[in-house]
Amino acid sequence: MTDGKSRRRGAELETAILDAAWAELSEHGYGRLTMEGVAARAGTSKPVLYRRWSSRAELALAAWNSRVPVEVEVADTGVLREDLVVLFDRIARRAGTMVNGVIAGVMAEAFRHPEMAELLRERLANPTGLTDAVRQIVDRAVERGELRPLELPHRAARAPLDLVRNEFIACGGPVDDDVIAALVDEVYLPLLRGLGVD
């Protein structure tokens, strides 16, 4: 007799697998994560997993992404500084979610597992949703005349994440409103103004 789990398809099955992978990561860490364990917990088979993810590293990163999506909601307050404060605040709240025991464990394991290290480097170096959000904010500020026209290099677009992550790691805890204001006023706004061309 076939149980309900084996009949799942599409998004429902994928959600069950990602939930199972996250649970396995939480309990065992990346070093002991296995496709067999995830499949058993999700009530499916290894071939089903391998049709979607070619390795446990890809599956682990997909589980992470399902918990901490890469998309960033873009505020439109009508003022560049306020848009940036909202953005930095959202990044800070997400950093608090990301740098928990499971994510810290995955990141630590990445140093011992080259396949995971490569995927992790790519994710952290290319936060597409974030850089798109920053570009939208900057483009609107240029249109309003708050900034001179500028070319925003990739590292500059990624800088809000790097700044917040550095503060979070250096201080070992949440990034508060005063720090966010300082990052925006003392670092990021001067950077953007310096990139402007006449």
N, C-alpha and C. Protein backbone atom coordinates (compact mmCIF):
# COMPACT_ATOMS: atom_id res chain seq x y z
N MET A 1 0.85 -1.19 0.00
CA MET A 1 0.00 0.00 0.00
C MET A 1 0.88 1.24 0.00
N THR A 2 0.52 2.20 -0.82
CA THR A 2 1.31 3.42 -0.95
C THR A 2 0.79 4.45 0.03
N ASP A 3 1.70 5.09 0.78
CA ASP A 3 1.23 6.11 1.71
C ASP A 3 1.18 7.46 1.01
N GLY A 4 0.64 8.47 1.72
CA GLY A 4 0.42 9.79 1.13
C GLY A 4 1.71 10.46 0.73
N LYS A 5 2.80 10.19 1.46
CA LYS A 5 4.04 10.88 1.15
C LYS A 5 4.55 10.56 -0.24
N SER A 6 4.38 9.30 -0.69
CA SER A 6 4.94 8.90 -1.97
C SER A 6 4.19 9.51 -3.14
N ARG A 7 2.99 10.06 -2.88
CA ARG A 7 2.20 10.63 -3.96
C ARG A 7 2.42 12.14 -4.12
N ARG A 8 3.24 12.71 -3.28
CA ARG A 8 3.47 14.14 -3.38
C ARG A 8 4.24 14.46 -4.65
N ARG A 9 3.97 15.64 -5.19
CA ARG A 9 4.63 16.06 -6.42
C ARG A 9 4.98 17.53 -6.31
N GLY A 10 5.83 17.97 -7.22
CA GLY A 10 6.10 19.39 -7.41
C GLY A 10 6.50 20.13 -6.16
N ALA A 11 5.86 21.30 -5.96
CA ALA A 11 6.24 22.19 -4.86
C ALA A 11 6.04 21.54 -3.50
N GLU A 12 4.99 20.75 -3.35
CA GLU A 12 4.73 20.10 -2.06
C GLU A 12 5.86 19.14 -1.69
N LEU A 13 6.30 18.35 -2.66
CA LEU A 13 7.40 17.41 -2.42
C LEU A 13 8.70 18.17 -2.16
N GLU A 14 8.96 19.21 -2.95
CA GLU A 14 10.20 19.97 -2.77
C GLU A 14 10.24 20.61 -1.38
N THR A 15 9.12 21.16 -0.93
CA THR A 15 9.06 21.75 0.41
C THR A 15 9.36 20.71 1.47
N ALA A 16 8.78 19.51 1.32
CA ALA A 16 9.01 18.43 2.29
C ALA A 16 10.49 18.04 2.32
N ILE A 17 11.12 18.00 1.16
CA ILE A 17 12.55 17.64 1.10
C ILE A 17 13.40 18.72 1.75
N LEU A 18 13.13 19.99 1.43
CA LEU A 18 13.92 21.08 2.01
C LEU A 18 13.73 21.17 3.52
N ASP A 19 12.49 20.93 3.98
CA ASP A 19 12.25 20.90 5.43
C ASP A 19 13.03 19.76 6.07
N ALA A 20 13.05 18.62 5.41
CA ALA A 20 13.78 17.46 5.93
C ALA A 20 15.29 17.75 5.95
N ALA A 21 15.79 18.39 4.89
CA ALA A 21 17.21 18.71 4.83
C ALA A 21 17.58 19.68 5.95
N TRP A 22 16.73 20.67 6.18
CA TRP A 22 17.01 21.64 7.25
C TRP A 22 17.01 20.94 8.62
N ALA A 23 16.06 20.04 8.81
CA ALA A 23 15.99 19.30 10.07
C ALA A 23 17.25 18.44 10.26
N GLU A 24 17.70 17.80 9.18
CA GLU A 24 18.92 16.99 9.27
C GLU A 24 20.14 17.86 9.56
N LEU A 25 20.22 19.01 8.92
CA LEU A 25 21.31 19.95 9.20
C LEU A 25 21.28 20.40 10.66
N SER A 26 20.09 20.69 11.15
CA SER A 26 19.95 21.16 12.53
C SER A 26 20.39 20.10 13.52
N GLU A 27 20.06 18.86 13.25
CA GLU A 27 20.36 17.78 14.18
C GLU A 27 21.78 17.23 14.05
N HIS A 28 22.27 17.17 12.81
CA HIS A 28 23.53 16.46 12.58
C HIS A 28 24.67 17.31 12.02
N GLY A 29 24.35 18.52 11.51
CA GLY A 29 25.37 19.35 10.89
C GLY A 29 25.67 18.89 9.47
N TYR A 30 26.39 19.74 8.74
CA TYR A 30 26.67 19.41 7.34
C TYR A 30 27.57 18.18 7.20
N GLY A 31 28.50 18.03 8.13
CA GLY A 31 29.44 16.91 8.03
C GLY A 31 28.77 15.55 8.04
N ARG A 32 27.61 15.44 8.71
CA ARG A 32 26.91 14.16 8.79
C ARG A 32 25.60 14.16 8.00
N LEU A 33 25.41 15.20 7.18
CA LEU A 33 24.23 15.24 6.32
C LEU A 33 24.39 14.21 5.21
N THR A 34 23.36 13.40 4.99
CA THR A 34 23.39 12.42 3.89
C THR A 34 22.11 12.52 3.08
N MET A 35 22.23 12.20 1.81
CA MET A 35 21.04 12.16 0.96
C MET A 35 20.08 11.08 1.46
N GLU A 36 20.64 9.98 1.96
CA GLU A 36 19.79 8.90 2.49
C GLU A 36 18.96 9.40 3.66
N GLY A 37 19.61 10.14 4.57
CA GLY A 37 18.91 10.63 5.74
C GLY A 37 17.80 11.61 5.38
N VAL A 38 18.08 12.48 4.43
CA VAL A 38 17.07 13.45 4.00
C VAL A 38 15.92 12.73 3.32
N ALA A 39 16.24 11.80 2.43
CA ALA A 39 15.19 11.06 1.73
C ALA A 39 14.29 10.32 2.71
N ALA A 40 14.90 9.66 3.69
CA ALA A 40 14.11 8.91 4.68
C ALA A 40 13.20 9.85 5.46
N ARG A 41 13.75 10.97 5.89
CA ARG A 41 12.96 11.91 6.68
C ARG A 41 11.82 12.50 5.85
N ALA A 42 12.09 12.74 4.56
CA ALA A 42 11.06 13.33 3.69
C ALA A 42 10.09 12.30 3.16
N GLY A 43 10.37 11.02 3.38
CA GLY A 43 9.49 9.98 2.88
C GLY A 43 9.55 9.83 1.38
N THR A 44 10.77 9.96 0.82
CA THR A 44 10.94 9.81 -0.62
C THR A 44 12.21 9.01 -0.86
N SER A 45 12.76 9.07 -2.07
CA SER A 45 13.93 8.26 -2.40
C SER A 45 15.11 9.14 -2.82
N LYS A 46 16.31 8.58 -2.75
CA LYS A 46 17.50 9.30 -3.18
C LYS A 46 17.42 9.76 -4.64
N PRO A 47 16.94 8.92 -5.58
CA PRO A 47 16.86 9.40 -6.96
C PRO A 47 15.99 10.65 -7.12
N VAL A 48 14.94 10.77 -6.31
CA VAL A 48 14.10 11.97 -6.36
C VAL A 48 14.92 13.20 -5.96
N LEU A 49 15.76 13.05 -4.93
CA LEU A 49 16.62 14.15 -4.51
C LEU A 49 17.62 14.51 -5.60
N TYR A 50 18.26 13.50 -6.17
CA TYR A 50 19.31 13.75 -7.16
C TYR A 50 18.75 14.32 -8.46
N ARG A 51 17.46 14.15 -8.72
CA ARG A 51 16.87 14.79 -9.89
C ARG A 51 16.80 16.31 -9.72
N ARG A 52 16.78 16.76 -8.48
CA ARG A 52 16.66 18.19 -8.20
C ARG A 52 18.00 18.83 -7.82
N TRP A 53 18.82 18.10 -7.06
CA TRP A 53 20.10 18.62 -6.58
C TRP A 53 21.17 17.58 -6.84
N SER A 54 22.25 17.99 -7.46
CA SER A 54 23.27 17.02 -7.87
C SER A 54 24.18 16.59 -6.73
N SER A 55 24.14 17.29 -5.60
CA SER A 55 25.02 16.95 -4.48
C SER A 55 24.39 17.38 -3.17
N ARG A 56 24.91 16.87 -2.08
CA ARG A 56 24.38 17.28 -0.78
C ARG A 56 24.70 18.75 -0.50
N ALA A 57 25.79 19.27 -1.09
CA ALA A 57 26.11 20.69 -0.92
C ALA A 57 25.02 21.55 -1.53
N GLU A 58 24.58 21.21 -2.75
CA GLU A 58 23.51 21.96 -3.39
C GLU A 58 22.22 21.86 -2.58
N LEU A 59 21.94 20.67 -2.06
CA LEU A 59 20.73 20.48 -1.26
C LEU A 59 20.81 21.31 0.03
N ALA A 60 21.96 21.30 0.69
CA ALA A 60 22.12 22.07 1.92
C ALA A 60 21.92 23.56 1.66
N LEU A 61 22.48 24.04 0.56
CA LEU A 61 22.35 25.46 0.24
C LEU A 61 20.90 25.79 -0.13
N ALA A 62 20.23 24.88 -0.82
CA ALA A 62 18.81 25.09 -1.14
C ALA A 62 17.97 25.15 0.12
N ALA A 63 18.29 24.30 1.10
CA ALA A 63 17.57 24.33 2.37
C ALA A 63 17.80 25.66 3.08
N TRP A 64 19.04 26.15 3.05
CA TRP A 64 19.37 27.45 3.63
C TRP A 64 18.56 28.54 2.93
N ASN A 65 18.58 28.53 1.59
CA ASN A 65 17.85 29.54 0.83
C ASN A 65 16.36 29.51 1.12
N SER A 66 15.82 28.31 1.40
CA SER A 66 14.39 28.21 1.70
C SER A 66 14.06 28.86 3.03
N ARG A 67 15.05 28.90 3.93
CA ARG A 67 14.86 29.55 5.23
C ARG A 67 15.21 31.04 5.18
N VAL A 68 16.20 31.39 4.39
CA VAL A 68 16.64 32.78 4.27
C VAL A 68 16.69 33.13 2.79
N PRO A 69 15.55 33.53 2.21
CA PRO A 69 15.52 33.80 0.77
C PRO A 69 16.48 34.90 0.37
N VAL A 70 16.93 34.85 -0.88
CA VAL A 70 17.89 35.85 -1.37
C VAL A 70 17.20 37.16 -1.75
N GLU A 71 15.88 37.13 -1.99
CA GLU A 71 15.19 38.35 -2.39
C GLU A 71 15.12 39.33 -1.22
N VAL A 72 15.21 40.61 -1.55
CA VAL A 72 15.12 41.66 -0.55
C VAL A 72 14.02 42.63 -0.97
N GLU A 73 13.08 42.88 -0.07
CA GLU A 73 12.02 43.84 -0.36
C GLU A 73 12.61 45.24 -0.38
N VAL A 74 12.26 46.02 -1.40
CA VAL A 74 12.83 47.36 -1.57
C VAL A 74 11.84 48.40 -1.05
N ALA A 75 12.28 49.21 -0.10
CA ALA A 75 11.46 50.30 0.40
C ALA A 75 11.50 51.47 -0.57
N ASP A 76 10.46 52.28 -0.58
CA ASP A 76 10.45 53.51 -1.37
C ASP A 76 9.87 54.62 -0.50
N THR A 77 10.72 55.20 0.34
CA THR A 77 10.29 56.26 1.24
C THR A 77 10.30 57.62 0.57
N GLY A 78 10.96 57.70 -0.59
CA GLY A 78 11.09 58.97 -1.28
C GLY A 78 12.36 59.72 -0.90
N VAL A 79 13.15 59.14 0.01
CA VAL A 79 14.39 59.77 0.47
C VAL A 79 15.48 58.70 0.50
N LEU A 80 16.61 58.98 -0.14
CA LEU A 80 17.68 58.00 -0.25
C LEU A 80 18.12 57.47 1.11
N ARG A 81 18.41 58.37 2.05
CA ARG A 81 18.92 57.93 3.34
C ARG A 81 17.94 56.99 4.02
N GLU A 82 16.66 57.34 3.99
CA GLU A 82 15.66 56.49 4.66
C GLU A 82 15.53 55.14 3.96
N ASP A 83 15.59 55.14 2.62
CA ASP A 83 15.56 53.86 1.88
C ASP A 83 16.73 52.98 2.31
N LEU A 84 17.91 53.59 2.47
CA LEU A 84 19.09 52.82 2.87
C LEU A 84 18.99 52.32 4.30
N VAL A 85 18.45 53.16 5.20
CA VAL A 85 18.29 52.71 6.59
C VAL A 85 17.35 51.50 6.64
N VAL A 86 16.26 51.55 5.90
CA VAL A 86 15.33 50.42 5.87
C VAL A 86 16.03 49.18 5.30
N LEU A 87 16.78 49.37 4.22
CA LEU A 87 17.49 48.25 3.61
C LEU A 87 18.48 47.64 4.58
N PHE A 88 19.32 48.47 5.21
CA PHE A 88 20.31 47.97 6.16
C PHE A 88 19.63 47.26 7.33
N ASP A 89 18.50 47.80 7.78
CA ASP A 89 17.77 47.17 8.89
C ASP A 89 17.28 45.78 8.48
N ARG A 90 16.75 45.66 7.27
CA ARG A 90 16.27 44.35 6.80
C ARG A 90 17.42 43.37 6.67
N ILE A 91 18.56 43.85 6.18
CA ILE A 91 19.73 42.97 6.09
C ILE A 91 20.16 42.53 7.48
N ALA A 92 20.15 43.47 8.44
CA ALA A 92 20.56 43.13 9.81
C ALA A 92 19.64 42.09 10.42
N ARG A 93 18.33 42.24 10.19
CA ARG A 93 17.40 41.25 10.75
C ARG A 93 17.61 39.88 10.10
N ARG A 94 17.89 39.89 8.79
CA ARG A 94 18.16 38.61 8.12
C ARG A 94 19.47 38.01 8.60
N ALA A 95 20.46 38.86 8.86
CA ALA A 95 21.74 38.34 9.37
C ALA A 95 21.52 37.64 10.70
N GLY A 96 20.64 38.20 11.54
CA GLY A 96 20.35 37.56 12.81
C GLY A 96 19.73 36.19 12.62
N THR A 97 18.94 36.03 11.56
CA THR A 97 18.34 34.73 11.26
C THR A 97 19.38 33.77 10.70
N MET A 98 20.26 34.30 9.84
CA MET A 98 21.24 33.46 9.15
C MET A 98 22.31 32.93 10.08
N VAL A 99 22.85 33.81 10.93
CA VAL A 99 24.00 33.41 11.73
C VAL A 99 23.52 32.75 13.01
N ASN A 100 22.78 31.66 12.84
CA ASN A 100 22.40 30.86 13.99
C ASN A 100 23.26 29.61 14.01
N GLY A 101 22.95 28.69 14.90
CA GLY A 101 23.79 27.51 15.02
C GLY A 101 23.91 26.70 13.74
N VAL A 102 22.81 26.55 13.03
CA VAL A 102 22.83 25.72 11.82
C VAL A 102 23.69 26.37 10.75
N ILE A 103 23.46 27.65 10.47
CA ILE A 103 24.20 28.33 9.42
C ILE A 103 25.67 28.43 9.80
N ALA A 104 25.93 28.76 11.06
CA ALA A 104 27.33 28.81 11.50
C ALA A 104 27.99 27.46 11.31
N GLY A 105 27.26 26.39 11.60
CA GLY A 105 27.80 25.04 11.40
C GLY A 105 28.08 24.74 9.95
N VAL A 106 27.14 25.11 9.07
CA VAL A 106 27.34 24.90 7.63
C VAL A 106 28.56 25.67 7.15
N MET A 107 28.69 26.92 7.61
CA MET A 107 29.82 27.74 7.17
C MET A 107 31.14 27.15 7.69
N ALA A 108 31.13 26.66 8.93
CA ALA A 108 32.34 26.06 9.48
C ALA A 108 32.72 24.79 8.71
N GLU A 109 31.71 23.98 8.39
CA GLU A 109 31.96 22.74 7.65
C GLU A 109 32.48 23.03 6.25
N ALA A 110 32.10 24.19 5.70
CA ALA A 110 32.52 24.51 4.33
C ALA A 110 34.03 24.53 4.19
N PHE A 111 34.73 24.87 5.27
CA PHE A 111 36.19 24.89 5.20
C PHE A 111 36.77 23.49 5.01
N ARG A 112 36.00 22.48 5.40
CA ARG A 112 36.48 21.09 5.28
C ARG A 112 35.92 20.37 4.06
N HIS A 113 34.95 20.99 3.37
CA HIS A 113 34.30 20.33 2.24
C HIS A 113 34.33 21.28 1.04
N PRO A 114 35.26 21.07 0.11
CA PRO A 114 35.44 22.01 -1.01
C PRO A 114 34.17 22.27 -1.82
N GLU A 115 33.34 21.23 -2.00
CA GLU A 115 32.13 21.43 -2.82
C GLU A 115 31.18 22.42 -2.16
N MET A 116 31.09 22.36 -0.83
CA MET A 116 30.23 23.30 -0.12
C MET A 116 30.87 24.69 -0.08
N ALA A 117 32.18 24.74 0.09
CA ALA A 117 32.88 26.01 0.14
C ALA A 117 32.65 26.81 -1.14
N GLU A 118 32.70 26.13 -2.28
CA GLU A 118 32.52 26.82 -3.56
C GLU A 118 31.12 27.40 -3.69
N LEU A 119 30.10 26.60 -3.35
CA LEU A 119 28.72 27.08 -3.44
C LEU A 119 28.47 28.22 -2.46
N LEU A 120 29.05 28.10 -1.28
CA LEU A 120 28.87 29.13 -0.25
C LEU A 120 29.54 30.43 -0.68
N ARG A 121 30.74 30.34 -1.23
CA ARG A 121 31.43 31.53 -1.72
C ARG A 121 30.60 32.23 -2.80
N GLU A 122 30.03 31.43 -3.69
CA GLU A 122 29.23 31.99 -4.77
C GLU A 122 28.00 32.70 -4.22
N ARG A 123 27.36 32.09 -3.23
CA ARG A 123 26.15 32.69 -2.66
C ARG A 123 26.49 34.01 -1.97
N LEU A 124 27.56 34.01 -1.20
CA LEU A 124 27.92 35.21 -0.44
C LEU A 124 28.50 36.31 -1.33
N ALA A 125 29.17 35.91 -2.42
CA ALA A 125 29.79 36.90 -3.31
C ALA A 125 28.80 37.49 -4.30
N ASN A 126 27.70 36.78 -4.56
CA ASN A 126 26.74 37.23 -5.57
C ASN A 126 25.32 37.22 -5.02
N PRO A 127 25.04 38.08 -4.05
CA PRO A 127 23.68 38.14 -3.50
C PRO A 127 22.76 38.92 -4.44
N THR A 128 22.33 38.25 -5.52
CA THR A 128 21.64 38.93 -6.62
C THR A 128 20.44 39.74 -6.15
N GLY A 129 19.61 39.18 -5.30
CA GLY A 129 18.43 39.91 -4.83
C GLY A 129 18.82 41.19 -4.13
N LEU A 130 19.88 41.14 -3.34
CA LEU A 130 20.33 42.33 -2.62
C LEU A 130 20.90 43.37 -3.57
N THR A 131 21.77 42.96 -4.47
CA THR A 131 22.38 43.95 -5.37
C THR A 131 21.33 44.59 -6.28
N ASP A 132 20.32 43.82 -6.66
CA ASP A 132 19.21 44.39 -7.44
C ASP A 132 18.48 45.45 -6.63
N ALA A 133 18.26 45.17 -5.34
CA ALA A 133 17.56 46.13 -4.47
C ALA A 133 18.37 47.40 -4.33
N VAL A 134 19.67 47.27 -4.12
CA VAL A 134 20.54 48.44 -3.98
C VAL A 134 20.51 49.27 -5.26
N ARG A 135 20.58 48.61 -6.39
CA ARG A 135 20.56 49.34 -7.67
C ARG A 135 19.24 50.09 -7.85
N GLN A 136 18.13 49.49 -7.44
CA GLN A 136 16.84 50.18 -7.55
C GLN A 136 16.84 51.44 -6.70
N ILE A 137 17.33 51.31 -5.46
CA ILE A 137 17.37 52.46 -4.55
C ILE A 137 18.25 53.57 -5.12
N VAL A 138 19.41 53.20 -5.63
CA VAL A 138 20.35 54.18 -6.18
C VAL A 138 19.77 54.83 -7.43
N ASP A 139 19.18 54.03 -8.31
CA ASP A 139 18.60 54.58 -9.54
C ASP A 139 17.50 55.60 -9.23
N ARG A 140 16.66 55.28 -8.24
CA ARG A 140 15.60 56.22 -7.87
C ARG A 140 16.18 57.51 -7.29
N ALA A 141 17.26 57.38 -6.51
CA ALA A 141 17.89 58.57 -5.94
C ALA A 141 18.50 59.44 -7.03
N VAL A 142 19.06 58.82 -8.06
CA VAL A 142 19.60 59.58 -9.19
C VAL A 142 18.47 60.30 -9.92
N GLU A 143 17.36 59.61 -10.13
CA GLU A 143 16.20 60.22 -10.81
C GLU A 143 15.66 61.40 -10.03
N ARG A 144 15.69 61.33 -8.68
CA ARG A 144 15.19 62.43 -7.85
C ARG A 144 16.21 63.55 -7.70
N GLY A 145 17.43 63.32 -8.16
CA GLY A 145 18.46 64.33 -8.06
C GLY A 145 19.22 64.31 -6.74
N GLU A 146 19.04 63.25 -5.94
CA GLU A 146 19.76 63.15 -4.67
C GLU A 146 21.20 62.69 -4.87
N LEU A 147 21.45 62.01 -5.97
CA LEU A 147 22.79 61.56 -6.30
C LEU A 147 23.11 61.96 -7.74
N ARG A 148 24.38 62.22 -8.00
CA ARG A 148 24.79 62.40 -9.38
C ARG A 148 24.73 61.04 -10.08
N PRO A 149 24.57 61.02 -11.40
CA PRO A 149 24.61 59.74 -12.11
C PRO A 149 25.88 58.98 -11.75
N LEU A 150 25.76 57.66 -11.62
CA LEU A 150 26.92 56.87 -11.24
C LEU A 150 26.82 55.45 -11.77
N GLU A 151 27.98 54.85 -11.93
CA GLU A 151 28.08 53.43 -12.23
C GLU A 151 28.33 52.72 -10.90
N LEU A 152 27.49 51.78 -10.54
CA LEU A 152 27.62 51.11 -9.25
C LEU A 152 28.33 49.77 -9.45
N PRO A 153 29.63 49.69 -9.09
CA PRO A 153 30.34 48.42 -9.23
C PRO A 153 29.71 47.34 -8.35
N HIS A 154 29.93 46.10 -8.73
CA HIS A 154 29.33 44.97 -8.01
C HIS A 154 29.69 45.00 -6.52
N ARG A 155 30.96 45.25 -6.21
CA ARG A 155 31.36 45.26 -4.80
C ARG A 155 30.68 46.39 -4.03
N ALA A 156 30.44 47.50 -4.68
CA ALA A 156 29.74 48.60 -4.02
C ALA A 156 28.27 48.25 -3.79
N ALA A 157 27.68 47.55 -4.75
CA ALA A 157 26.28 47.12 -4.59
C ALA A 157 26.15 46.08 -3.50
N ARG A 158 27.20 45.29 -3.30
CA ARG A 158 27.20 44.24 -2.29
C ARG A 158 27.59 44.76 -0.90
N ALA A 159 28.13 45.97 -0.85
CA ALA A 159 28.70 46.51 0.39
C ALA A 159 27.72 46.55 1.56
N PRO A 160 26.42 46.86 1.38
CA PRO A 160 25.54 46.84 2.55
C PRO A 160 25.55 45.50 3.28
N LEU A 161 25.51 44.41 2.53
CA LEU A 161 25.57 43.09 3.15
C LEU A 161 26.90 42.88 3.85
N ASP A 162 27.99 43.24 3.18
CA ASP A 162 29.32 43.04 3.77
C ASP A 162 29.48 43.87 5.05
N LEU A 163 28.99 45.10 5.03
CA LEU A 163 29.11 45.97 6.20
C LEU A 163 28.33 45.41 7.39
N VAL A 164 27.09 45.01 7.14
CA VAL A 164 26.25 44.48 8.23
C VAL A 164 26.81 43.17 8.73
N ARG A 165 27.22 42.29 7.80
CA ARG A 165 27.76 40.99 8.22
C ARG A 165 29.02 41.18 9.06
N ASN A 166 29.87 42.11 8.66
CA ASN A 166 31.09 42.37 9.42
C ASN A 166 30.75 42.86 10.83
N GLU A 167 29.80 43.78 10.96
CA GLU A 167 29.40 44.26 12.28
C GLU A 167 28.84 43.12 13.13
N PHE A 168 28.02 42.28 12.51
CA PHE A 168 27.39 41.19 13.24
C PHE A 168 28.45 40.23 13.78
N ILE A 169 29.41 39.89 12.92
CA ILE A 169 30.46 38.95 13.33
C ILE A 169 31.40 39.59 14.34
N ALA A 170 31.80 40.85 14.09
CA ALA A 170 32.75 41.52 14.98
C ALA A 170 32.17 41.75 16.36
N CYS A 171 30.87 42.09 16.41
CA CYS A 171 30.23 42.41 17.69
C CYS A 171 29.58 41.19 18.33
N GLY A 172 29.43 40.12 17.56
CA GLY A 172 28.87 38.89 18.11
C GLY A 172 27.41 38.97 18.47
N GLY A 173 26.67 39.83 17.80
CA GLY A 173 25.26 39.93 18.11
C GLY A 173 24.53 40.86 17.17
N PRO A 174 23.27 41.15 17.49
CA PRO A 174 22.45 41.98 16.61
C PRO A 174 23.05 43.36 16.36
N VAL A 175 22.77 43.89 15.18
CA VAL A 175 23.22 45.23 14.79
C VAL A 175 22.08 46.19 15.11
N ASP A 176 22.34 47.14 16.01
CA ASP A 176 21.25 48.01 16.46
C ASP A 176 21.07 49.23 15.56
N ASP A 177 20.04 50.03 15.88
CA ASP A 177 19.67 51.17 15.03
C ASP A 177 20.80 52.20 14.92
N ASP A 178 21.52 52.43 16.02
CA ASP A 178 22.60 53.42 15.98
C ASP A 178 23.71 52.98 15.03
N VAL A 179 24.03 51.69 15.05
CA VAL A 179 25.07 51.17 14.16
C VAL A 179 24.61 51.26 12.72
N ILE A 180 23.36 50.92 12.48
CA ILE A 180 22.82 51.01 11.11
C ILE A 180 22.91 52.45 10.61
N ALA A 181 22.51 53.40 11.45
CA ALA A 181 22.57 54.81 11.05
C ALA A 181 24.01 55.22 10.74
N ALA A 182 24.97 54.76 11.56
CA ALA A 182 26.37 55.10 11.33
C ALA A 182 26.88 54.48 10.04
N LEU A 183 26.51 53.24 9.76
CA LEU A 183 26.94 52.59 8.52
C LEU A 183 26.41 53.34 7.31
N VAL A 184 25.17 53.77 7.39
CA VAL A 184 24.58 54.51 6.27
C VAL A 184 25.23 55.89 6.14
N ASP A 185 25.30 56.64 7.25
CA ASP A 185 25.75 58.04 7.20
C ASP A 185 27.26 58.19 7.04
N GLU A 186 28.00 57.30 7.67
CA GLU A 186 29.46 57.48 7.70
C GLU A 186 30.19 56.67 6.63
N VAL A 187 29.52 55.65 6.10
CA VAL A 187 30.21 54.79 5.14
C VAL A 187 29.50 54.75 3.79
N TYR A 188 28.22 54.35 3.78
CA TYR A 188 27.62 54.04 2.49
C TYR A 188 27.19 55.27 1.70
N LEU A 189 26.58 56.25 2.37
CA LEU A 189 26.23 57.47 1.63
C LEU A 189 27.47 58.18 1.08
N PRO A 190 28.55 58.34 1.86
CA PRO A 190 29.76 58.93 1.27
C PRO A 190 30.32 58.12 0.10
N LEU A 191 30.22 56.80 0.19
CA LEU A 191 30.67 55.95 -0.91
C LEU A 191 29.87 56.26 -2.17
N LEU A 192 28.55 56.29 -2.05
CA LEU A 192 27.70 56.54 -3.21
C LEU A 192 27.97 57.93 -3.79
N ARG A 193 28.11 58.91 -2.91
CA ARG A 193 28.38 60.28 -3.42
C ARG A 193 29.72 60.36 -4.11
N GLY A 194 30.69 59.61 -3.62
CA GLY A 194 32.01 59.60 -4.23
C GLY A 194 32.03 58.93 -5.60
N LEU A 195 31.05 58.06 -5.86
CA LEU A 195 31.00 57.38 -7.15
C LEU A 195 30.34 58.20 -8.23
N GLY A 196 29.67 59.27 -7.83
CA GLY A 196 28.96 60.10 -8.81
C GLY A 196 29.89 60.77 -9.81
N VAL A 197 29.38 60.94 -11.02
CA VAL A 197 30.17 61.62 -12.07
C VAL A 197 29.44 62.89 -12.48
N ASP A 198 30.21 63.92 -12.84
CA ASP A 198 29.61 65.20 -13.27
C ASP A 198 29.23 65.14 -14.73
